[in-house]
Amino acid sequence: MTEARRRLGLVVPSSNTVMEVDFYRHLPANVTLHTGRMYLEETTPEGESVMLDVHTMPAARDVGTANPHVTVFGCTSAGALRGNDFDAYLCERIGEVTRSVPVSVIASVRAAIARRGVRRIGIVTPYVDSLNEKIRASVEEDGVEVAGIFGLQITENFAIASVTPQEIVAFAERSLGPLGVELVFASCTNFRAMEAIPALEPALGVPVVTSNQAALEAAVAAIDALGAGD
């Protein structure tokens, strides 16, 4: 008997060209991906606020018509923008409108860090400092010390995807190498950090968690927990 397919929904910023690719490459063969796009061009608190207030729920509604089993809210910084409680509330709404199990990227990252039992981490991002502050606050709410967070100050979301894995490694080494952290988190679903993991971990000598890696792990775990699809 052929194994039943399971459907993964993804609600992602419209200018993101990385997250779907990472998911396509690593999802189990029996899981299909179905995406709705939230209009976003500028990766700033102002741009992400408009995305959250105007575009997120319509995109989630559209994904819901594909009857996903699990749906990922695919933006790390927007998940952190208004705090962890708001992110949980937003994902609950996404779950309701899609009639599926919701997965938050920033919550998945926090869970991945907790599983590794570390207490002092470093973070690299493509973001401006105003978004980095939100990422720091989200992670530190769990009692984790962020020894340093460094961003590339990119405000055009489409441009974030042009940063190569090699450039991410060099940036992380330069920024975090002297800090003596136990783990590195590379934030942003439009950052090619998942591709960089094989080079990042030996270069820094510590485990690396990325947004797409953590969200993918959480989504697959949620699908597996549901059992066979239809």
Protein backbone atom coordinates (compact mmCIF):
# COMPACT_ATOMS: atom_id res chain seq x y z
CA MET A 1 0.00 0.00 0.00
CA THR A 2 1.30 3.49 -0.88
CA GLU A 3 1.95 5.68 2.15
CA ALA A 4 -0.62 8.48 2.44
CA ARG A 5 0.61 11.97 1.65
CA ARG A 6 0.65 14.63 4.31
CA ARG A 7 0.32 18.33 3.54
CA LEU A 8 2.47 21.03 5.08
CA GLY A 9 1.23 24.60 4.80
CA LEU A 10 3.65 27.52 4.83
CA VAL A 11 2.80 31.18 5.29
CA VAL A 12 5.88 33.09 4.17
CA PRO A 13 6.86 36.69 3.31
CA SER A 14 6.29 37.31 -0.39
CA SER A 15 9.92 38.28 -1.06
CA ASN A 16 11.35 35.17 0.64
CA THR A 17 13.13 32.90 -1.86
CA VAL A 18 14.96 30.58 0.57
CA MET A 19 12.54 28.92 2.99
CA GLU A 20 10.57 26.94 0.43
CA VAL A 21 13.82 25.74 -1.16
CA ASP A 22 15.19 24.51 2.19
CA PHE A 23 11.92 22.73 2.90
CA TYR A 24 11.73 21.14 -0.57
CA ARG A 25 15.23 19.77 -0.15
CA HIS A 26 14.68 18.19 3.25
CA LEU A 27 11.02 17.26 3.67
CA PRO A 28 10.17 13.53 3.74
CA ALA A 29 9.05 12.19 0.39
CA ASN A 30 5.46 11.76 1.52
CA VAL A 31 5.06 15.40 2.64
CA THR A 32 3.92 18.04 0.13
CA LEU A 33 4.38 21.79 0.61
CA HIS A 34 1.64 24.39 0.02
CA THR A 35 2.51 28.06 0.34
CA GLY A 36 0.68 31.34 0.90
CA ARG A 37 2.58 34.61 0.64
CA MET A 38 2.37 37.64 2.94
CA TYR A 39 3.31 40.85 1.12
CA LEU A 40 6.64 42.15 2.42
CA GLU A 41 9.50 44.07 0.84
CA GLU A 42 11.19 45.88 3.74
CA THR A 43 12.59 43.87 6.67
CA THR A 44 11.95 46.55 9.27
CA PRO A 45 9.61 46.77 12.26
CA GLU A 46 7.33 49.03 10.22
CA GLY A 47 7.23 46.73 7.20
CA GLU A 48 6.65 43.64 9.31
CA SER A 49 3.89 45.34 11.30
CA VAL A 50 1.96 45.99 8.09
CA MET A 51 2.55 42.38 7.05
CA LEU A 52 1.18 41.11 10.36
CA ASP A 53 -1.85 43.40 10.43
CA VAL A 54 -2.87 43.28 6.77
CA HIS A 55 -1.43 40.29 4.94
CA THR A 56 -0.86 37.40 7.35
CA MET A 57 -4.36 36.14 7.94
CA PRO A 58 -5.48 36.36 4.27
CA ALA A 59 -2.42 34.32 3.31
CA ALA A 60 -3.23 31.79 6.03
CA ARG A 61 -6.84 31.60 4.83
CA ASP A 62 -5.61 30.83 1.32
CA VAL A 63 -3.30 28.08 2.57
CA GLY A 64 -6.20 26.64 4.51
CA THR A 65 -8.01 25.82 1.25
CA ALA A 66 -5.30 23.19 0.61
CA ASN A 67 -6.35 21.43 3.85
CA PRO A 68 -2.88 21.26 5.40
CA HIS A 69 -2.20 19.00 8.34
CA VAL A 70 0.39 21.41 9.79
CA THR A 71 1.04 25.07 8.92
CA VAL A 72 4.25 27.03 9.57
CA PHE A 73 4.23 30.78 10.17
CA GLY A 74 7.45 31.38 8.26
CA CYS A 75 8.99 34.59 9.59
CA THR A 76 11.36 34.64 12.56
CA SER A 77 11.60 38.36 13.21
CA ALA A 78 7.87 39.02 12.76
CA GLY A 79 7.24 36.24 15.27
CA ALA A 80 9.47 38.01 17.77
CA LEU A 81 8.35 41.54 16.90
CA ARG A 82 5.50 41.81 19.41
CA GLY A 83 6.73 39.29 21.95
CA ASN A 84 6.35 35.58 22.50
CA ASP A 85 2.80 35.80 23.80
CA PHE A 86 1.63 37.57 20.65
CA ASP A 87 3.43 35.00 18.50
CA ALA A 88 1.59 32.20 20.31
CA TYR A 89 -1.73 34.03 19.82
CA LEU A 90 -1.03 34.64 16.13
CA CYS A 91 -0.12 31.00 15.53
CA GLU A 92 -3.29 29.91 17.32
CA ARG A 93 -5.30 32.07 14.89
CA ILE A 94 -3.40 30.61 11.94
CA GLY A 95 -4.19 27.14 13.23
CA GLU A 96 -7.86 28.00 13.47
CA VAL A 97 -8.19 29.48 9.98
CA THR A 98 -6.18 26.68 8.34
CA ARG A 99 -7.76 23.95 10.52
CA SER A 100 -4.27 22.58 11.11
CA VAL A 101 -1.53 22.36 13.73
CA PRO A 102 0.38 25.68 13.72
CA VAL A 103 4.17 25.93 13.98
CA SER A 104 6.02 29.12 14.92
CA VAL A 105 9.58 29.62 13.69
CA ILE A 106 10.77 31.60 16.71
CA ALA A 107 9.13 29.14 19.12
CA SER A 108 10.74 26.26 17.21
CA VAL A 109 14.13 27.95 17.53
CA ARG A 110 13.66 28.47 21.26
CA ALA A 111 12.72 24.80 21.65
CA ALA A 112 15.76 23.72 19.62
CA ILE A 113 18.05 25.78 21.84
CA ALA A 114 16.42 24.35 24.97
CA ARG A 115 16.89 20.77 23.72
CA ARG A 116 20.61 21.37 23.44
CA GLY A 117 20.85 22.44 27.08
CA VAL A 118 22.98 25.55 26.52
CA ARG A 119 22.84 28.78 28.45
CA ARG A 120 25.14 31.18 26.55
CA ILE A 121 24.62 31.70 22.84
CA GLY A 122 25.59 34.02 20.02
CA ILE A 123 23.28 35.15 17.23
CA VAL A 124 23.90 36.34 13.68
CA THR A 125 21.19 37.82 11.50
CA PRO A 126 20.75 39.81 8.32
CA TYR A 127 18.59 42.31 10.24
CA VAL A 128 18.80 45.89 11.41
CA ASP A 129 19.39 46.45 15.13
CA SER A 130 15.75 47.29 15.88
CA LEU A 131 14.78 43.74 14.84
CA ASN A 132 17.81 42.19 16.53
CA GLU A 133 16.58 43.61 19.83
CA LYS A 134 13.30 41.72 19.41
CA ILE A 135 15.11 38.46 18.63
CA ARG A 136 17.30 38.90 21.71
CA ALA A 137 14.29 39.56 23.94
CA SER A 138 12.44 36.50 22.62
CA VAL A 139 15.35 34.15 23.25
CA GLU A 140 16.33 35.63 26.61
CA GLU A 141 12.79 35.16 27.93
CA ASP A 142 13.73 31.49 28.35
CA GLY A 143 16.68 32.31 30.60
CA VAL A 144 19.27 31.97 27.85
CA GLU A 145 22.08 34.54 27.81
CA VAL A 146 22.69 36.16 24.43
CA ALA A 147 26.40 37.02 24.63
CA GLY A 148 26.19 38.93 21.37
CA ILE A 149 23.82 39.50 18.45
CA PHE A 150 25.12 40.90 15.19
CA GLY A 151 23.20 41.87 12.05
CA LEU A 152 24.15 42.72 8.49
CA GLN A 153 21.76 45.72 8.54
CA ILE A 154 19.89 44.64 5.40
CA THR A 155 16.44 46.18 5.05
CA GLU A 156 15.41 44.81 1.64
CA ASN A 157 14.07 41.33 2.27
CA PHE A 158 14.77 40.07 -1.25
CA ALA A 159 18.44 41.06 -0.85
CA ILE A 160 18.86 38.90 2.25
CA ALA A 161 18.78 35.78 0.07
CA SER A 162 21.79 37.05 -1.92
CA VAL A 163 24.10 36.58 1.09
CA THR A 164 26.01 33.37 0.33
CA PRO A 165 26.58 30.57 2.84
CA GLN A 166 30.30 31.38 2.70
CA GLU A 167 29.59 35.00 3.63
CA ILE A 168 27.41 33.85 6.52
CA VAL A 169 30.25 31.68 7.84
CA ALA A 170 32.75 34.53 7.57
CA PHE A 171 30.37 36.95 9.29
CA ALA A 172 29.69 34.52 12.13
CA GLU A 173 33.39 33.78 12.64
CA ARG A 174 34.25 37.46 12.68
CA SER A 175 31.41 38.44 14.99
CA LEU A 176 31.09 35.51 17.39
CA GLY A 177 34.50 33.84 17.37
CA PRO A 178 35.89 35.79 20.35
CA LEU A 179 32.81 35.38 22.57
CA GLY A 180 33.17 31.77 23.71
CA VAL A 181 29.52 30.85 23.18
CA GLU A 182 28.04 27.36 23.53
CA LEU A 183 25.76 27.58 20.48
CA VAL A 184 25.14 29.85 17.51
CA PHE A 185 21.72 30.79 16.22
CA ALA A 186 21.55 32.08 12.63
CA SER A 187 18.20 33.86 12.34
CA CYS A 188 15.92 34.53 9.35
CA THR A 189 13.98 32.22 7.07
CA ASN A 190 15.32 34.08 4.00
CA PHE A 191 18.97 33.61 5.09
CA ARG A 192 20.88 30.72 3.49
CA ALA A 193 22.10 29.65 6.92
CA MET A 194 20.82 26.08 6.72
CA GLU A 195 23.16 25.52 3.78
CA ALA A 196 25.98 26.97 5.85
CA ILE A 197 25.64 24.58 8.81
CA PRO A 198 28.22 22.02 7.55
CA ALA A 199 30.84 24.78 7.42
CA LEU A 200 29.61 26.85 10.36
CA GLU A 201 29.81 24.15 13.01
CA PRO A 202 33.47 23.18 12.46
CA ALA A 203 34.46 26.81 11.96
CA LEU A 204 32.95 27.87 15.29
CA GLY A 205 33.34 24.61 17.17
CA VAL A 206 29.79 24.68 18.56
CA PRO A 207 26.32 23.50 17.46
CA VAL A 208 24.38 25.76 15.11
CA VAL A 209 20.62 26.29 14.99
CA THR A 210 18.98 28.08 12.07
CA SER A 211 15.44 29.32 11.57
CA ASN A 212 14.60 26.95 8.73
CA GLN A 213 16.30 23.96 10.35
CA ALA A 214 14.36 24.43 13.60
CA ALA A 215 11.03 25.07 11.86
CA LEU A 216 11.48 22.06 9.59
CA GLU A 217 12.25 19.78 12.54
CA ALA A 218 9.18 21.05 14.41
CA ALA A 219 6.89 20.74 11.39
CA VAL A 220 7.97 17.17 10.60
CA ALA A 221 7.58 16.21 14.27
CA ALA A 222 4.06 17.68 14.29
CA ILE A 223 3.15 15.79 11.12
CA ASP A 224 4.52 12.53 12.51
CA ALA A 225 2.53 13.02 15.71
CA LEU A 226 -0.69 13.20 13.71
CA GLY A 227 -0.21 9.77 12.15
CA ALA A 228 -1.23 8.91 8.59
CA GLY A 229 -2.57 11.63 6.34
CA ASP A 230 -5.39 11.40 3.83
